[in-house]
């Protein structure tokens, strides 16, 4: 490295400090000249960048990029974007329908819902879709039986 006067060291240029590549320094120390060692990797890198650019252009023209940054409810609607849920930008997962006291034992990941604000207290009510329960009961009246 070249030296720079101490009183100017904070203001010396990179060239004065010898930080730039200098072929004469390498030649004088017996080093081989620099050359590109992996042109195939460079070509593959540029081909990859071109392919990713094409994919991004195609995705922005034919897809909905909001699906990457917004939640999607159980009906496939994008929270805060689609017309039916434009006023509900947040995604909420309901607790599993198992009976539990206090903290839920798990979340129902299959049926998230869009909400206007995130619930902050346990008394906040949120509509949570649950699986239908079907019960069968036989009722007999006289000589006929009915299944309800």
N, C-alpha and C. Protein backbone atom coordinates (compact mmCIF):
# COMPACT_ATOMS: atom_id res chain seq x y z
N UNK A 1 0.83 -1.19 0.00
CA UNK A 1 0.00 0.00 0.00
C UNK A 1 0.87 1.25 0.00
N UNK A 2 0.39 2.25 -0.63
CA UNK A 2 1.09 3.53 -0.64
C UNK A 2 0.76 4.28 0.65
N UNK A 3 1.60 5.21 0.97
CA UNK A 3 1.34 5.95 2.22
C UNK A 3 0.76 7.31 1.89
N UNK A 4 0.10 7.82 2.87
CA UNK A 4 -0.52 9.13 2.76
C UNK A 4 -0.08 9.90 4.01
N UNK A 5 0.24 11.18 3.91
CA UNK A 5 0.67 11.92 5.11
C UNK A 5 -0.38 11.81 6.22
N UNK A 6 0.08 11.66 7.44
CA UNK A 6 -0.82 11.45 8.59
C UNK A 6 -1.81 12.60 8.73
N UNK A 7 -1.40 13.82 8.50
CA UNK A 7 -2.31 14.95 8.68
C UNK A 7 -3.40 14.98 7.62
N UNK A 8 -3.25 14.21 6.49
CA UNK A 8 -4.25 14.16 5.43
C UNK A 8 -4.92 12.80 5.32
N UNK A 9 -4.59 11.86 6.18
CA UNK A 9 -5.01 10.48 6.00
C UNK A 9 -6.53 10.34 5.90
N UNK A 10 -7.29 11.12 6.62
CA UNK A 10 -8.74 11.03 6.57
C UNK A 10 -9.29 11.53 5.24
N UNK A 11 -8.49 12.33 4.52
CA UNK A 11 -8.96 12.92 3.27
C UNK A 11 -8.28 12.36 2.04
N UNK A 12 -7.46 11.34 2.19
CA UNK A 12 -6.76 10.75 1.05
C UNK A 12 -7.75 10.00 0.17
N UNK A 13 -7.50 10.04 -1.10
CA UNK A 13 -8.36 9.30 -2.03
C UNK A 13 -7.97 7.83 -2.02
N UNK A 14 -8.86 7.00 -2.51
CA UNK A 14 -8.58 5.57 -2.58
C UNK A 14 -7.41 5.31 -3.50
N UNK A 15 -7.24 6.11 -4.54
CA UNK A 15 -6.12 5.93 -5.45
C UNK A 15 -4.80 6.24 -4.75
N UNK A 16 -4.78 7.32 -3.91
CA UNK A 16 -3.57 7.67 -3.16
C UNK A 16 -3.22 6.59 -2.15
N UNK A 17 -4.21 5.91 -1.61
CA UNK A 17 -3.97 4.85 -0.63
C UNK A 17 -3.59 3.53 -1.30
N UNK A 18 -3.73 3.45 -2.62
CA UNK A 18 -3.38 2.23 -3.33
C UNK A 18 -4.46 1.16 -3.25
N UNK A 19 -5.70 1.57 -3.12
CA UNK A 19 -6.79 0.60 -2.96
C UNK A 19 -7.36 0.13 -4.29
N UNK A 20 -7.08 0.85 -5.38
CA UNK A 20 -7.59 0.43 -6.68
C UNK A 20 -6.68 -0.63 -7.28
N UNK A 21 -7.24 -1.40 -8.19
CA UNK A 21 -6.49 -2.44 -8.88
C UNK A 21 -5.41 -1.80 -9.75
N UNK A 22 -4.21 -2.31 -9.61
CA UNK A 22 -3.10 -1.80 -10.40
C UNK A 22 -2.35 -2.99 -10.98
N UNK A 23 -2.44 -3.18 -12.30
CA UNK A 23 -1.83 -4.33 -12.96
C UNK A 23 -0.31 -4.32 -12.82
N UNK A 24 0.29 -3.15 -12.77
CA UNK A 24 1.75 -3.08 -12.64
C UNK A 24 2.23 -3.65 -11.31
N UNK A 25 1.46 -3.40 -10.23
CA UNK A 25 1.84 -3.95 -8.93
C UNK A 25 1.81 -5.47 -8.95
N UNK A 26 0.78 -6.04 -9.56
CA UNK A 26 0.68 -7.50 -9.62
C UNK A 26 1.79 -8.09 -10.49
N UNK A 27 2.09 -7.44 -11.61
CA UNK A 27 3.13 -7.94 -12.51
C UNK A 27 4.50 -7.90 -11.82
N UNK A 28 4.75 -6.84 -11.08
CA UNK A 28 6.04 -6.71 -10.39
C UNK A 28 6.21 -7.74 -9.27
N UNK A 29 5.11 -8.27 -8.75
CA UNK A 29 5.18 -9.29 -7.70
C UNK A 29 5.06 -10.70 -8.26
N UNK A 30 5.09 -10.85 -9.59
CA UNK A 30 5.08 -12.17 -10.21
C UNK A 30 3.72 -12.84 -10.28
N UNK A 31 2.64 -12.06 -10.19
CA UNK A 31 1.30 -12.63 -10.26
C UNK A 31 0.84 -12.70 -11.71
N UNK A 32 0.03 -13.69 -12.02
CA UNK A 32 -0.52 -13.83 -13.37
C UNK A 32 -1.54 -12.72 -13.61
N UNK A 33 -1.70 -12.31 -14.86
CA UNK A 33 -2.70 -11.27 -15.14
C UNK A 33 -4.12 -11.77 -14.84
N UNK A 34 -4.97 -10.85 -14.44
CA UNK A 34 -6.36 -11.22 -14.12
C UNK A 34 -7.12 -11.56 -15.38
N UNK A 35 -8.06 -12.50 -15.24
CA UNK A 35 -8.91 -12.87 -16.37
C UNK A 35 -10.22 -13.43 -15.82
N UNK A 36 -11.19 -13.50 -16.67
CA UNK A 36 -12.49 -14.07 -16.28
C UNK A 36 -12.33 -15.58 -16.19
N UNK A 37 -12.63 -16.15 -15.03
CA UNK A 37 -12.42 -17.60 -14.84
C UNK A 37 -13.68 -18.42 -15.03
N UNK A 38 -14.85 -17.83 -14.91
CA UNK A 38 -16.09 -18.59 -15.01
C UNK A 38 -17.10 -17.91 -15.94
N UNK A 39 -16.81 -17.83 -17.23
CA UNK A 39 -17.78 -17.17 -18.12
C UNK A 39 -19.09 -17.95 -18.22
N UNK A 40 -19.04 -19.27 -18.08
CA UNK A 40 -20.28 -20.06 -18.14
C UNK A 40 -21.19 -19.72 -16.96
N UNK A 41 -20.60 -19.59 -15.77
CA UNK A 41 -21.43 -19.21 -14.61
C UNK A 41 -22.01 -17.81 -14.78
N UNK A 42 -21.22 -16.90 -15.34
CA UNK A 42 -21.73 -15.56 -15.61
C UNK A 42 -22.89 -15.58 -16.59
N UNK A 43 -22.75 -16.39 -17.63
CA UNK A 43 -23.82 -16.52 -18.61
C UNK A 43 -25.08 -17.12 -17.97
N UNK A 44 -24.90 -18.15 -17.14
CA UNK A 44 -26.04 -18.75 -16.45
C UNK A 44 -26.71 -17.75 -15.51
N UNK A 45 -25.92 -16.95 -14.83
CA UNK A 45 -26.46 -15.94 -13.93
C UNK A 45 -27.33 -14.93 -14.69
N UNK A 46 -26.83 -14.43 -15.83
CA UNK A 46 -27.60 -13.47 -16.61
C UNK A 46 -28.84 -14.12 -17.22
N UNK A 47 -28.75 -15.39 -17.60
CA UNK A 47 -29.93 -16.10 -18.12
C UNK A 47 -30.97 -16.26 -17.00
N UNK A 48 -30.52 -16.56 -15.80
CA UNK A 48 -31.42 -16.66 -14.65
C UNK A 48 -32.12 -15.32 -14.39
N UNK A 49 -31.36 -14.23 -14.38
CA UNK A 49 -31.97 -12.91 -14.15
C UNK A 49 -32.99 -12.58 -15.23
N UNK A 50 -32.68 -12.91 -16.48
CA UNK A 50 -33.63 -12.67 -17.56
C UNK A 50 -34.89 -13.50 -17.39
N UNK A 51 -34.74 -14.76 -17.00
CA UNK A 51 -35.89 -15.63 -16.76
C UNK A 51 -36.75 -15.12 -15.62
N UNK A 52 -36.13 -14.68 -14.54
CA UNK A 52 -36.89 -14.14 -13.41
C UNK A 52 -37.61 -12.85 -13.79
N UNK A 53 -36.96 -12.03 -14.62
CA UNK A 53 -37.63 -10.81 -15.10
C UNK A 53 -38.85 -11.14 -15.93
N UNK A 54 -38.73 -12.16 -16.79
CA UNK A 54 -39.87 -12.58 -17.61
C UNK A 54 -41.00 -13.11 -16.72
N UNK A 55 -40.67 -13.91 -15.72
CA UNK A 55 -41.68 -14.45 -14.81
C UNK A 55 -42.39 -13.32 -14.05
N UNK A 56 -41.64 -12.33 -13.57
CA UNK A 56 -42.25 -11.21 -12.85
C UNK A 56 -43.18 -10.40 -13.77
N UNK A 57 -42.75 -10.17 -15.01
CA UNK A 57 -43.59 -9.44 -15.95
C UNK A 57 -44.87 -10.21 -16.24
N UNK A 58 -44.75 -11.52 -16.48
CA UNK A 58 -45.92 -12.35 -16.77
C UNK A 58 -46.86 -12.39 -15.56
N UNK A 59 -46.29 -12.52 -14.35
CA UNK A 59 -47.11 -12.58 -13.14
C UNK A 59 -47.85 -11.27 -12.90
N UNK A 60 -47.19 -10.15 -13.16
CA UNK A 60 -47.87 -8.87 -12.92
C UNK A 60 -48.97 -8.60 -13.95
N UNK A 61 -48.82 -9.15 -15.16
CA UNK A 61 -49.84 -8.95 -16.19
C UNK A 61 -51.02 -9.92 -16.05
N UNK A 62 -50.76 -11.16 -15.64
CA UNK A 62 -51.79 -12.19 -15.63
C UNK A 62 -52.24 -12.63 -14.24
N UNK A 63 -51.59 -12.16 -13.21
CA UNK A 63 -51.92 -12.62 -11.86
C UNK A 63 -52.39 -11.49 -10.97
N UNK A 64 -52.61 -11.81 -9.72
CA UNK A 64 -53.03 -10.84 -8.72
C UNK A 64 -51.93 -10.79 -7.66
N UNK A 65 -51.05 -9.81 -7.75
CA UNK A 65 -49.94 -9.72 -6.82
C UNK A 65 -50.40 -9.39 -5.40
N UNK A 66 -51.64 -8.91 -5.24
CA UNK A 66 -52.17 -8.66 -3.89
C UNK A 66 -52.30 -9.95 -3.10
N UNK A 67 -52.40 -11.08 -3.79
CA UNK A 67 -52.50 -12.37 -3.08
C UNK A 67 -51.20 -12.70 -2.34
N UNK A 68 -50.11 -12.03 -2.69
CA UNK A 68 -48.84 -12.26 -1.99
C UNK A 68 -48.73 -11.43 -0.72
N UNK A 69 -49.41 -10.31 -0.66
CA UNK A 69 -49.24 -9.39 0.46
C UNK A 69 -50.47 -9.24 1.34
N UNK A 70 -51.60 -9.80 0.95
CA UNK A 70 -52.83 -9.70 1.74
C UNK A 70 -53.31 -11.10 2.10
N UNK A 71 -54.06 -11.19 3.19
CA UNK A 71 -54.62 -12.47 3.60
C UNK A 71 -55.74 -12.91 2.68
N UNK A 72 -55.98 -14.21 2.65
CA UNK A 72 -57.05 -14.79 1.83
C UNK A 72 -57.96 -15.58 2.75
N UNK A 73 -59.26 -15.25 2.74
CA UNK A 73 -60.18 -15.92 3.66
C UNK A 73 -60.60 -17.29 3.13
N UNK A 74 -61.48 -17.98 3.87
CA UNK A 74 -61.87 -19.34 3.53
C UNK A 74 -62.67 -19.43 2.24
N UNK A 75 -63.18 -18.31 1.73
CA UNK A 75 -63.92 -18.29 0.48
C UNK A 75 -63.03 -17.89 -0.70
N UNK A 76 -61.74 -17.69 -0.46
CA UNK A 76 -60.81 -17.33 -1.52
C UNK A 76 -60.79 -15.85 -1.83
N UNK A 77 -61.40 -15.02 -1.00
CA UNK A 77 -61.41 -13.57 -1.21
C UNK A 77 -60.17 -12.94 -0.58
N UNK A 78 -59.59 -11.97 -1.26
CA UNK A 78 -58.40 -11.29 -0.76
C UNK A 78 -58.85 -10.17 0.18
N UNK A 79 -58.45 -10.28 1.45
CA UNK A 79 -58.88 -9.32 2.46
C UNK A 79 -58.41 -7.90 2.13
N UNK A 80 -59.35 -6.95 2.19
CA UNK A 80 -59.05 -5.56 1.93
C UNK A 80 -58.98 -5.20 0.46
N UNK A 81 -59.13 -6.17 -0.45
CA UNK A 81 -59.00 -5.91 -1.88
C UNK A 81 -60.28 -6.26 -2.62
N UNK A 82 -60.78 -7.48 -2.44
CA UNK A 82 -61.98 -7.92 -3.14
C UNK A 82 -63.20 -7.14 -2.66
N UNK A 83 -64.20 -6.94 -3.53
CA UNK A 83 -65.34 -6.07 -3.20
C UNK A 83 -66.09 -6.46 -1.92
N UNK A 84 -66.32 -7.72 -1.68
CA UNK A 84 -67.10 -8.12 -0.50
C UNK A 84 -66.36 -7.90 0.82
N UNK A 85 -65.05 -7.82 0.77
CA UNK A 85 -64.26 -7.68 2.00
C UNK A 85 -63.30 -6.49 1.93
N UNK A 86 -63.65 -5.47 1.15
CA UNK A 86 -62.76 -4.32 0.98
C UNK A 86 -62.60 -3.52 2.26
N UNK A 87 -63.57 -3.60 3.18
CA UNK A 87 -63.48 -2.88 4.44
C UNK A 87 -62.88 -3.72 5.56
N UNK A 88 -62.41 -4.91 5.24
CA UNK A 88 -61.83 -5.82 6.23
C UNK A 88 -60.44 -6.27 5.78
N UNK A 89 -59.41 -5.49 6.10
CA UNK A 89 -58.08 -5.78 5.56
C UNK A 89 -57.27 -6.83 6.33
N UNK A 90 -57.74 -7.27 7.50
CA UNK A 90 -56.95 -8.18 8.32
C UNK A 90 -57.51 -9.60 8.26
N UNK A 91 -56.63 -10.58 8.42
CA UNK A 91 -57.02 -11.99 8.41
C UNK A 91 -57.00 -12.51 9.84
N UNK A 92 -58.05 -13.24 10.22
CA UNK A 92 -58.19 -13.76 11.58
C UNK A 92 -58.46 -15.25 11.51
N UNK A 93 -57.73 -16.03 12.33
CA UNK A 93 -57.97 -17.47 12.42
C UNK A 93 -58.75 -17.74 13.70
N UNK A 94 -59.86 -18.45 13.57
CA UNK A 94 -60.71 -18.77 14.71
C UNK A 94 -60.12 -19.94 15.49
N UNK A 95 -60.54 -20.07 16.73
CA UNK A 95 -60.10 -21.21 17.52
C UNK A 95 -60.80 -22.47 17.06
N UNK A 96 -60.21 -23.60 17.34
CA UNK A 96 -60.83 -24.88 16.97
C UNK A 96 -62.11 -25.04 17.77
N UNK A 97 -63.08 -25.77 17.22
CA UNK A 97 -64.37 -25.88 17.89
C UNK A 97 -64.36 -26.75 19.15
N UNK A 98 -63.21 -27.25 19.55
CA UNK A 98 -63.14 -28.06 20.75
C UNK A 98 -63.48 -27.20 21.97
N UNK A 99 -64.14 -27.79 22.96
CA UNK A 99 -64.42 -27.00 24.17
C UNK A 99 -63.12 -26.68 24.91
N UNK A 100 -62.91 -25.43 25.20
CA UNK A 100 -61.71 -25.00 25.91
C UNK A 100 -62.05 -23.80 26.77
N UNK A 101 -61.36 -23.68 27.88
CA UNK A 101 -61.56 -22.55 28.77
C UNK A 101 -60.29 -21.70 28.70
N UNK A 102 -60.45 -20.39 28.53
CA UNK A 102 -59.29 -19.51 28.46
C UNK A 102 -58.65 -19.53 27.09
N UNK A 103 -57.41 -19.91 27.04
CA UNK A 103 -56.65 -19.92 25.78
C UNK A 103 -57.10 -21.09 24.92
N UNK A 104 -57.21 -20.89 23.60
CA UNK A 104 -57.62 -21.98 22.72
C UNK A 104 -56.56 -23.06 22.63
N UNK A 105 -56.99 -24.29 22.39
CA UNK A 105 -56.04 -25.40 22.26
C UNK A 105 -55.41 -25.41 20.87
N UNK A 106 -56.00 -24.71 19.93
CA UNK A 106 -55.46 -24.65 18.58
C UNK A 106 -56.28 -23.70 17.73
N UNK A 107 -55.82 -23.46 16.53
CA UNK A 107 -56.51 -22.57 15.60
C UNK A 107 -57.03 -23.37 14.42
N UNK A 108 -58.15 -22.92 13.89
CA UNK A 108 -58.72 -23.55 12.71
C UNK A 108 -58.07 -22.91 11.48
N UNK A 109 -57.00 -23.55 10.98
CA UNK A 109 -56.25 -22.99 9.86
C UNK A 109 -57.00 -23.12 8.54
N UNK A 110 -58.04 -23.95 8.50
CA UNK A 110 -58.77 -24.20 7.26
C UNK A 110 -59.79 -23.11 6.95
N UNK A 111 -60.18 -22.30 7.94
CA UNK A 111 -61.25 -21.33 7.70
C UNK A 111 -60.92 -19.96 8.30
N UNK A 112 -59.92 -19.24 7.76
CA UNK A 112 -59.68 -17.88 8.25
C UNK A 112 -60.73 -16.92 7.72
N UNK A 113 -60.95 -15.83 8.45
CA UNK A 113 -61.95 -14.83 8.04
C UNK A 113 -61.29 -13.45 7.99
N UNK A 114 -61.83 -12.58 7.15
CA UNK A 114 -61.37 -11.20 7.08
C UNK A 114 -62.09 -10.37 8.15
N UNK A 115 -61.34 -9.52 8.85
CA UNK A 115 -61.93 -8.67 9.88
C UNK A 115 -61.45 -7.23 9.67
N UNK A 116 -62.27 -6.27 10.16
CA UNK A 116 -61.94 -4.85 10.02
C UNK A 116 -60.81 -4.44 10.96
N UNK A 117 -60.83 -4.97 12.18
CA UNK A 117 -59.77 -4.70 13.16
C UNK A 117 -59.42 -6.00 13.86
N UNK A 118 -58.22 -6.07 14.35
CA UNK A 118 -57.81 -7.26 15.08
C UNK A 118 -58.45 -7.24 16.47
N UNK A 119 -59.01 -8.37 16.89
CA UNK A 119 -59.60 -8.41 18.23
C UNK A 119 -58.53 -8.21 19.29
N UNK A 120 -58.84 -7.38 20.28
CA UNK A 120 -57.86 -7.10 21.34
C UNK A 120 -58.31 -7.62 22.69
N UNK A 121 -59.59 -7.95 22.82
CA UNK A 121 -60.10 -8.49 24.08
C UNK A 121 -60.93 -9.73 23.78
N UNK A 122 -61.12 -10.57 24.80
CA UNK A 122 -61.86 -11.82 24.61
C UNK A 122 -63.34 -11.60 24.30
N UNK A 123 -63.88 -10.42 24.59
CA UNK A 123 -65.30 -10.18 24.37
C UNK A 123 -65.63 -9.77 22.93
N UNK A 124 -64.61 -9.54 22.11
CA UNK A 124 -64.85 -9.19 20.71
C UNK A 124 -65.43 -10.40 19.99
N UNK A 125 -66.54 -10.20 19.28
CA UNK A 125 -67.17 -11.30 18.57
C UNK A 125 -66.79 -11.27 17.09
N UNK A 126 -66.38 -12.42 16.59
CA UNK A 126 -66.00 -12.57 15.18
C UNK A 126 -66.76 -13.77 14.64
N UNK A 127 -67.39 -13.60 13.46
CA UNK A 127 -68.09 -14.71 12.82
C UNK A 127 -67.06 -15.74 12.38
N UNK A 128 -67.18 -16.95 12.89
CA UNK A 128 -66.26 -18.03 12.55
C UNK A 128 -67.04 -19.18 11.92
N UNK A 129 -66.78 -19.49 10.67
CA UNK A 129 -67.49 -20.61 10.03
C UNK A 129 -67.06 -21.93 10.66
N UNK A 130 -68.03 -22.72 10.99
CA UNK A 130 -67.76 -24.03 11.58
C UNK A 130 -68.43 -25.10 10.73
N UNK A 131 -67.95 -26.31 10.85
CA UNK A 131 -68.55 -27.43 10.12
C UNK A 131 -69.96 -27.67 10.64
N UNK A 132 -70.85 -28.05 9.73
CA UNK A 132 -72.24 -28.32 10.13
C UNK A 132 -72.30 -29.60 10.94
N UNK A 133 -73.18 -29.58 11.94
CA UNK A 133 -73.41 -30.78 12.73
C UNK A 133 -74.75 -31.35 12.33
N UNK A 134 -74.76 -32.61 11.96
CA UNK A 134 -76.00 -33.28 11.56
C UNK A 134 -76.30 -34.35 12.60
N UNK A 135 -77.48 -34.24 13.16
CA UNK A 135 -77.91 -35.27 14.11
C UNK A 135 -79.15 -35.94 13.56
N UNK A 136 -79.25 -37.23 13.79
CA UNK A 136 -80.39 -38.00 13.30
C UNK A 136 -81.18 -38.48 14.51
N UNK A 137 -82.49 -38.30 14.40
CA UNK A 137 -83.36 -38.71 15.50
C UNK A 137 -84.59 -39.39 14.91
N UNK A 138 -84.94 -40.51 15.47
CA UNK A 138 -86.14 -41.21 14.99
C UNK A 138 -87.29 -40.92 15.94
N UNK A 139 -88.38 -40.53 15.33
CA UNK A 139 -89.58 -40.22 16.09
C UNK A 139 -90.67 -41.17 15.64
N UNK A 140 -91.28 -41.83 16.56
CA UNK A 140 -92.37 -42.74 16.18
C UNK A 140 -93.67 -42.20 16.77
N UNK A 141 -94.66 -42.15 15.92
CA UNK A 141 -95.99 -41.74 16.37
C UNK A 141 -96.99 -42.76 15.86
N UNK A 142 -97.47 -43.54 16.76
CA UNK A 142 -98.42 -44.58 16.37
C UNK A 142 -97.71 -45.67 15.58
N UNK A 143 -98.13 -45.89 14.34
CA UNK A 143 -97.58 -46.96 13.54
C UNK A 143 -96.53 -46.50 12.56
N UNK A 144 -96.18 -45.18 12.49
CA UNK A 144 -95.19 -44.68 11.51
C UNK A 144 -93.95 -44.19 12.24
N UNK A 145 -92.81 -44.32 11.58
CA UNK A 145 -91.54 -43.80 12.12
C UNK A 145 -90.98 -42.78 11.13
N UNK A 146 -90.49 -41.68 11.63
CA UNK A 146 -89.89 -40.65 10.80
C UNK A 146 -88.46 -40.38 11.26
N UNK A 147 -87.61 -40.13 10.30
CA UNK A 147 -86.22 -39.74 10.62
C UNK A 147 -86.09 -38.27 10.35
N UNK A 148 -85.67 -37.55 11.35
CA UNK A 148 -85.52 -36.09 11.23
C UNK A 148 -84.06 -35.74 11.20
